[in-house]
Each structure stands twice: as structure tokens, then as C-alpha cells.
N, C-alpha and C. Protein backbone atom coordinates (compact mmCIF):
# COMPACT_ATOMS: atom_id res chain seq x y z
N UNK A 1 9.10 -2.80 -19.28
CA UNK A 1 9.40 -2.14 -18.03
C UNK A 1 8.08 -1.83 -17.32
N UNK A 2 8.04 -2.09 -16.01
CA UNK A 2 6.83 -1.86 -15.24
C UNK A 2 6.93 -0.63 -14.37
N UNK A 3 5.79 -0.18 -13.90
CA UNK A 3 5.75 1.01 -13.06
C UNK A 3 6.44 0.83 -11.71
N UNK A 4 6.60 -0.41 -11.26
CA UNK A 4 7.16 -0.66 -9.94
C UNK A 4 8.60 -1.15 -9.98
N UNK A 5 9.23 -1.06 -11.12
CA UNK A 5 10.62 -1.54 -11.25
C UNK A 5 11.59 -0.83 -10.31
N UNK A 6 11.27 0.38 -9.90
CA UNK A 6 12.14 1.12 -8.99
C UNK A 6 12.26 0.44 -7.63
N UNK A 7 11.38 -0.52 -7.35
CA UNK A 7 11.41 -1.24 -6.07
C UNK A 7 12.25 -2.51 -6.11
N UNK A 8 12.61 -2.97 -7.28
CA UNK A 8 13.17 -4.31 -7.45
C UNK A 8 14.38 -4.59 -6.57
N UNK A 9 15.29 -3.65 -6.42
CA UNK A 9 16.50 -3.94 -5.65
C UNK A 9 16.33 -3.69 -4.16
N UNK A 10 15.63 -2.63 -3.79
CA UNK A 10 15.47 -2.29 -2.37
C UNK A 10 14.45 -3.16 -1.66
N UNK A 11 13.33 -3.41 -2.30
CA UNK A 11 12.21 -4.12 -1.68
C UNK A 11 11.69 -5.21 -2.61
N UNK A 12 12.43 -6.27 -2.76
CA UNK A 12 12.07 -7.30 -3.74
C UNK A 12 10.72 -7.96 -3.43
N UNK A 13 10.40 -8.19 -2.16
CA UNK A 13 9.13 -8.86 -1.86
C UNK A 13 7.94 -7.94 -2.15
N UNK A 14 8.09 -6.66 -1.84
CA UNK A 14 7.03 -5.70 -2.16
C UNK A 14 6.93 -5.52 -3.67
N UNK A 15 8.08 -5.49 -4.32
CA UNK A 15 8.12 -5.36 -5.78
C UNK A 15 7.34 -6.49 -6.46
N UNK A 16 7.58 -7.72 -6.01
CA UNK A 16 6.91 -8.87 -6.62
C UNK A 16 5.39 -8.76 -6.51
N UNK A 17 4.93 -8.33 -5.34
CA UNK A 17 3.48 -8.19 -5.17
C UNK A 17 2.93 -7.03 -5.99
N UNK A 18 3.62 -5.91 -5.97
CA UNK A 18 3.14 -4.75 -6.73
C UNK A 18 3.10 -5.06 -8.23
N UNK A 19 4.12 -5.74 -8.71
CA UNK A 19 4.18 -6.11 -10.12
C UNK A 19 3.04 -7.07 -10.47
N UNK A 20 2.80 -8.06 -9.61
CA UNK A 20 1.72 -9.00 -9.85
C UNK A 20 0.36 -8.29 -9.84
N UNK A 21 0.16 -7.41 -8.88
CA UNK A 21 -1.10 -6.66 -8.81
C UNK A 21 -1.30 -5.83 -10.08
N UNK A 22 -0.23 -5.19 -10.52
CA UNK A 22 -0.31 -4.38 -11.74
C UNK A 22 -0.72 -5.23 -12.93
N UNK A 23 -0.16 -6.42 -13.04
CA UNK A 23 -0.48 -7.31 -14.15
C UNK A 23 -1.93 -7.79 -14.11
N UNK A 24 -2.53 -7.84 -12.93
CA UNK A 24 -3.89 -8.34 -12.76
C UNK A 24 -4.96 -7.25 -12.75
N UNK A 25 -4.56 -6.01 -12.88
CA UNK A 25 -5.48 -4.88 -12.74
C UNK A 25 -6.76 -5.07 -13.55
N UNK A 26 -6.64 -5.43 -14.81
CA UNK A 26 -7.81 -5.52 -15.68
C UNK A 26 -8.30 -6.94 -15.90
N UNK A 27 -7.46 -7.93 -15.63
CA UNK A 27 -7.88 -9.32 -15.83
C UNK A 27 -8.50 -9.93 -14.59
N UNK A 28 -8.08 -9.48 -13.41
CA UNK A 28 -8.64 -9.98 -12.16
C UNK A 28 -8.60 -8.86 -11.11
N UNK A 29 -9.52 -7.91 -11.23
CA UNK A 29 -9.52 -6.77 -10.32
C UNK A 29 -9.58 -7.15 -8.84
N UNK A 30 -10.29 -8.22 -8.52
CA UNK A 30 -10.40 -8.66 -7.13
C UNK A 30 -9.03 -9.10 -6.61
N UNK A 31 -8.32 -9.90 -7.40
CA UNK A 31 -6.98 -10.33 -7.00
C UNK A 31 -6.03 -9.14 -6.90
N UNK A 32 -6.16 -8.22 -7.82
CA UNK A 32 -5.34 -7.00 -7.80
C UNK A 32 -5.54 -6.25 -6.49
N UNK A 33 -6.77 -6.09 -6.06
CA UNK A 33 -7.07 -5.34 -4.84
C UNK A 33 -6.48 -6.02 -3.61
N UNK A 34 -6.61 -7.34 -3.54
CA UNK A 34 -6.07 -8.08 -2.40
C UNK A 34 -4.54 -7.98 -2.36
N UNK A 35 -3.92 -8.11 -3.50
CA UNK A 35 -2.45 -8.07 -3.55
C UNK A 35 -1.94 -6.65 -3.29
N UNK A 36 -2.64 -5.65 -3.77
CA UNK A 36 -2.27 -4.26 -3.47
C UNK A 36 -2.28 -4.02 -1.97
N UNK A 37 -3.32 -4.50 -1.31
CA UNK A 37 -3.43 -4.33 0.13
C UNK A 37 -2.28 -5.04 0.83
N UNK A 38 -1.94 -6.22 0.38
CA UNK A 38 -0.84 -6.96 0.98
C UNK A 38 0.50 -6.22 0.80
N UNK A 39 0.73 -5.69 -0.38
CA UNK A 39 1.97 -4.93 -0.63
C UNK A 39 2.00 -3.68 0.25
N UNK A 40 0.86 -3.01 0.37
CA UNK A 40 0.80 -1.83 1.22
C UNK A 40 1.09 -2.20 2.67
N UNK A 41 0.52 -3.30 3.14
CA UNK A 41 0.74 -3.73 4.52
C UNK A 41 2.21 -4.04 4.78
N UNK A 42 2.87 -4.67 3.83
CA UNK A 42 4.31 -4.93 3.97
C UNK A 42 5.09 -3.62 4.06
N UNK A 43 4.73 -2.66 3.22
CA UNK A 43 5.42 -1.37 3.23
C UNK A 43 5.17 -0.60 4.53
N UNK A 44 3.94 -0.64 5.01
CA UNK A 44 3.61 0.04 6.27
C UNK A 44 4.40 -0.59 7.42
N UNK A 45 4.44 -1.90 7.47
CA UNK A 45 5.21 -2.58 8.51
C UNK A 45 6.70 -2.28 8.39
N UNK A 46 7.18 -2.19 7.17
CA UNK A 46 8.59 -1.81 6.96
C UNK A 46 8.84 -0.43 7.57
N UNK A 47 7.95 0.49 7.30
CA UNK A 47 8.12 1.85 7.81
C UNK A 47 8.15 1.87 9.34
N UNK A 48 7.26 1.12 9.96
CA UNK A 48 7.26 1.04 11.43
C UNK A 48 8.56 0.42 11.95
N UNK A 49 9.12 -0.52 11.23
CA UNK A 49 10.36 -1.17 11.66
C UNK A 49 11.57 -0.24 11.53
N UNK A 50 11.55 0.63 10.54
CA UNK A 50 12.74 1.42 10.25
C UNK A 50 12.67 2.90 10.62
N UNK A 51 11.50 3.41 10.92
CA UNK A 51 11.40 4.80 11.35
C UNK A 51 11.32 4.81 12.88
N UNK A 52 12.37 5.24 13.50
CA UNK A 52 12.46 5.21 14.96
C UNK A 52 11.48 6.15 15.65
N UNK A 53 10.91 7.09 14.92
CA UNK A 53 9.93 8.01 15.50
C UNK A 53 8.52 7.42 15.56
N UNK A 54 8.31 6.32 14.88
CA UNK A 54 6.99 5.68 14.89
C UNK A 54 6.93 4.64 16.00
N UNK A 55 5.83 4.66 16.70
CA UNK A 55 5.60 3.66 17.73
C UNK A 55 4.36 2.86 17.35
N UNK A 56 4.51 1.55 17.32
CA UNK A 56 3.38 0.70 16.95
C UNK A 56 2.25 0.85 17.96
N UNK A 57 1.03 0.95 17.47
CA UNK A 57 -0.10 1.02 18.39
C UNK A 57 -0.33 -0.33 19.08
N UNK A 58 -1.17 -0.29 20.11
CA UNK A 58 -1.48 -1.50 20.87
C UNK A 58 -2.00 -2.60 19.95
N UNK A 59 -2.97 -2.25 19.12
CA UNK A 59 -3.47 -3.20 18.13
C UNK A 59 -2.58 -3.09 16.91
N UNK A 60 -2.09 -4.23 16.46
CA UNK A 60 -1.08 -4.23 15.40
C UNK A 60 -1.66 -4.64 14.04
N UNK A 61 -2.93 -4.32 13.79
CA UNK A 61 -3.49 -4.63 12.47
C UNK A 61 -3.32 -3.43 11.55
N UNK A 62 -3.55 -3.62 10.28
CA UNK A 62 -3.31 -2.56 9.31
C UNK A 62 -4.13 -1.31 9.59
N UNK A 63 -5.38 -1.49 9.98
CA UNK A 63 -6.22 -0.33 10.28
C UNK A 63 -5.65 0.51 11.40
N UNK A 64 -5.22 -0.14 12.46
CA UNK A 64 -4.63 0.58 13.59
C UNK A 64 -3.31 1.24 13.19
N UNK A 65 -2.53 0.55 12.38
CA UNK A 65 -1.23 1.09 11.97
C UNK A 65 -1.38 2.37 11.15
N UNK A 66 -2.33 2.38 10.21
CA UNK A 66 -2.45 3.58 9.37
C UNK A 66 -3.19 4.71 10.08
N UNK A 67 -3.94 4.40 11.14
CA UNK A 67 -4.63 5.45 11.89
C UNK A 67 -3.81 6.01 13.05
N UNK A 68 -2.66 5.41 13.32
CA UNK A 68 -1.78 5.91 14.38
C UNK A 68 -1.38 7.35 14.03
N UNK A 69 -1.51 8.25 14.99
CA UNK A 69 -1.30 9.68 14.73
C UNK A 69 0.10 9.99 14.20
N UNK A 70 1.13 9.35 14.74
CA UNK A 70 2.49 9.63 14.26
C UNK A 70 2.66 9.18 12.81
N UNK A 71 1.99 8.11 12.43
CA UNK A 71 2.03 7.64 11.05
C UNK A 71 1.29 8.62 10.14
N UNK A 72 0.10 9.03 10.57
CA UNK A 72 -0.68 9.96 9.77
C UNK A 72 0.04 11.29 9.57
N UNK A 73 0.82 11.70 10.57
CA UNK A 73 1.53 12.98 10.45
C UNK A 73 2.61 12.92 9.36
N UNK A 74 3.16 11.75 9.12
CA UNK A 74 4.14 11.59 8.04
C UNK A 74 3.45 11.74 6.68
N UNK A 75 2.24 11.23 6.59
CA UNK A 75 1.50 11.23 5.32
C UNK A 75 0.83 12.56 5.02
N UNK A 76 0.47 13.31 6.07
CA UNK A 76 -0.36 14.50 5.92
C UNK A 76 0.15 15.51 4.88
N UNK A 77 1.43 15.89 4.92
CA UNK A 77 1.87 16.89 3.94
C UNK A 77 1.75 16.41 2.49
N UNK A 78 1.62 15.12 2.30
CA UNK A 78 1.56 14.56 0.95
C UNK A 78 0.17 14.04 0.59
N UNK A 79 -0.79 14.27 1.48
CA UNK A 79 -2.18 13.86 1.25
C UNK A 79 -2.31 12.40 0.86
N UNK A 80 -1.64 11.52 1.61
CA UNK A 80 -1.65 10.10 1.28
C UNK A 80 -2.57 9.26 2.14
N UNK A 81 -3.07 9.79 3.23
CA UNK A 81 -3.89 8.96 4.10
C UNK A 81 -5.12 8.42 3.38
N UNK A 82 -5.81 9.26 2.65
CA UNK A 82 -7.00 8.83 1.91
C UNK A 82 -6.68 7.73 0.92
N UNK A 83 -5.52 7.83 0.28
CA UNK A 83 -5.09 6.78 -0.66
C UNK A 83 -4.95 5.44 0.05
N UNK A 84 -4.30 5.47 1.22
CA UNK A 84 -4.08 4.22 1.96
C UNK A 84 -5.39 3.68 2.51
N UNK A 85 -6.23 4.56 3.01
CA UNK A 85 -7.52 4.12 3.54
C UNK A 85 -8.34 3.42 2.44
N UNK A 86 -8.38 4.03 1.26
CA UNK A 86 -9.13 3.44 0.15
C UNK A 86 -8.50 2.11 -0.28
N UNK A 87 -7.19 2.07 -0.33
CA UNK A 87 -6.49 0.84 -0.72
C UNK A 87 -6.80 -0.29 0.25
N UNK A 88 -6.78 0.00 1.53
CA UNK A 88 -7.12 -1.00 2.55
C UNK A 88 -8.56 -1.46 2.38
N UNK A 89 -9.47 -0.50 2.18
CA UNK A 89 -10.88 -0.82 2.04
C UNK A 89 -11.14 -1.69 0.81
N UNK A 90 -10.51 -1.36 -0.31
CA UNK A 90 -10.66 -2.16 -1.53
C UNK A 90 -10.18 -3.59 -1.29
N UNK A 91 -9.01 -3.73 -0.69
CA UNK A 91 -8.46 -5.05 -0.42
C UNK A 91 -9.33 -5.85 0.52
N UNK A 92 -9.84 -5.20 1.56
CA UNK A 92 -10.73 -5.87 2.50
C UNK A 92 -12.01 -6.32 1.80
N UNK A 93 -12.59 -5.44 1.01
CA UNK A 93 -13.81 -5.78 0.28
C UNK A 93 -13.58 -6.98 -0.64
N UNK A 94 -12.48 -6.97 -1.35
CA UNK A 94 -12.17 -8.07 -2.26
C UNK A 94 -11.97 -9.37 -1.48
N UNK A 95 -11.27 -9.30 -0.38
CA UNK A 95 -10.99 -10.50 0.42
C UNK A 95 -12.27 -11.08 1.04
N UNK A 96 -13.27 -10.23 1.23
CA UNK A 96 -14.52 -10.71 1.82
C UNK A 96 -15.58 -11.02 0.77
N UNK A 97 -15.16 -11.21 -0.47
CA UNK A 97 -16.05 -11.71 -1.50
C UNK A 97 -16.79 -10.69 -2.32
N UNK A 98 -16.55 -9.42 -2.08
CA UNK A 98 -17.23 -8.40 -2.88
C UNK A 98 -16.54 -8.24 -4.23
N UNK A 99 -17.30 -7.88 -5.24
CA UNK A 99 -16.70 -7.67 -6.55
C UNK A 99 -15.99 -6.32 -6.58
N UNK A 100 -14.94 -6.28 -7.36
CA UNK A 100 -14.14 -5.06 -7.54
C UNK A 100 -14.15 -4.73 -9.03
N UNK A 101 -14.50 -3.52 -9.36
CA UNK A 101 -14.50 -3.09 -10.76
C UNK A 101 -13.08 -2.81 -11.24
N UNK A 102 -12.89 -2.89 -12.53
CA UNK A 102 -11.57 -2.62 -13.12
C UNK A 102 -11.11 -1.20 -12.76
N UNK A 103 -12.03 -0.27 -12.77
CA UNK A 103 -11.68 1.12 -12.44
C UNK A 103 -11.22 1.24 -10.99
N UNK A 104 -11.83 0.47 -10.10
CA UNK A 104 -11.42 0.48 -8.69
C UNK A 104 -10.03 -0.13 -8.53
N UNK A 105 -9.77 -1.21 -9.25
CA UNK A 105 -8.46 -1.83 -9.20
C UNK A 105 -7.39 -0.87 -9.71
N UNK A 106 -7.72 -0.12 -10.75
CA UNK A 106 -6.78 0.86 -11.29
C UNK A 106 -6.48 1.95 -10.26
N UNK A 107 -7.50 2.40 -9.56
CA UNK A 107 -7.29 3.39 -8.49
C UNK A 107 -6.39 2.79 -7.41
N UNK A 108 -6.61 1.53 -7.08
CA UNK A 108 -5.76 0.85 -6.09
C UNK A 108 -4.30 0.81 -6.52
N UNK A 109 -4.06 0.48 -7.76
CA UNK A 109 -2.67 0.44 -8.28
C UNK A 109 -2.06 1.84 -8.22
N UNK A 110 -2.80 2.83 -8.62
CA UNK A 110 -2.30 4.20 -8.58
C UNK A 110 -1.97 4.63 -7.15
N UNK A 111 -2.84 4.29 -6.21
CA UNK A 111 -2.60 4.65 -4.81
C UNK A 111 -1.38 3.92 -4.26
N UNK A 112 -1.24 2.66 -4.60
CA UNK A 112 -0.06 1.91 -4.16
C UNK A 112 1.21 2.53 -4.73
N UNK A 113 1.17 2.90 -6.00
CA UNK A 113 2.33 3.54 -6.62
C UNK A 113 2.69 4.84 -5.92
N UNK A 114 1.70 5.67 -5.64
CA UNK A 114 1.97 6.95 -4.95
C UNK A 114 2.61 6.71 -3.58
N UNK A 115 2.08 5.76 -2.82
CA UNK A 115 2.60 5.49 -1.50
C UNK A 115 4.02 4.93 -1.55
N UNK A 116 4.26 3.95 -2.39
CA UNK A 116 5.59 3.34 -2.47
C UNK A 116 6.62 4.33 -3.02
N UNK A 117 6.21 5.14 -3.97
CA UNK A 117 7.10 6.19 -4.49
C UNK A 117 7.47 7.16 -3.38
N UNK A 118 6.46 7.55 -2.61
CA UNK A 118 6.69 8.45 -1.48
C UNK A 118 7.71 7.85 -0.51
N UNK A 119 7.51 6.59 -0.15
CA UNK A 119 8.42 5.96 0.80
C UNK A 119 9.85 5.93 0.29
N UNK A 120 10.01 5.53 -0.93
CA UNK A 120 11.36 5.35 -1.46
C UNK A 120 12.06 6.67 -1.74
N UNK A 121 11.32 7.65 -2.23
CA UNK A 121 11.98 8.87 -2.69
C UNK A 121 11.88 10.07 -1.76
N UNK A 122 11.01 10.02 -0.74
CA UNK A 122 10.83 11.18 0.11
C UNK A 122 11.26 11.02 1.55
N UNK A 123 11.37 9.80 2.01
CA UNK A 123 11.75 9.60 3.40
C UNK A 123 13.24 9.41 3.52
N UNK A 124 13.79 10.03 4.51
CA UNK A 124 15.23 9.96 4.73
C UNK A 124 15.50 9.05 5.93
N UNK A 125 15.37 7.75 5.68
CA UNK A 125 15.53 6.79 6.79
C UNK A 125 16.88 6.11 6.74
């Protein structure tokens, strides 16, 4: 049983990526970071699609999406913005050829878990 099994029925595409990233945490930290970022981006886009109170910013990239004030206000009570910012940064660094340590990949997996758990269990959409 994996840490992301709770996603399997609701969000199968995000589940597949999260599960793959989890499996690669210690064997390929760079791949783990890139896949974590991708799973996070899918979840963020899902939230924008399904939360009617969120309005997509003019620039539709991940950085703009997570910095949008209405998005940040959802995360603020749960102190998740820093987790997402770090997750994005790790994924970007890995995608641009920088090495990622196993410990950094583990932090990425933990941050992804916190965010996806928050979405599934705390939002009433």
C-alpha cells in the first residue's frame, strides 16, 4: 500500500504520477522532483477548474497560478504556500539539469502529500 492510494479513484492521473514519484524518491531524486511538480501542477489546475471562487491569472503558468492571491488565501490557514513554492522550485531545478539530493526529493514527496491530502480532505467543492 502506498501513501497516495487515497487518490486512486478520484484522481487517477495525479495518483499515477504521485505513486511513480514516490517510488523514485531514493533511486532517482531528479525524476522524483520533476514528477512531483507535474502532479502538483495537475492538482493546481484541477482546483482552478473546479473552485468557482478562483479566477485564473493573466499568465497561466504554475508560478502565476500559485501566486494568485485568491489561491494563496485558500492555502494560508494551512501553511501550504511554502510547500508548493519549494515543490515547484525543486521540479524546476531538476528539469533544468541541476542535481537533486535524496533528502530534497523526500521533502518534495512530503509536500506533495500534504497538498493533495489537503485538497481531497479539506475542500468542500
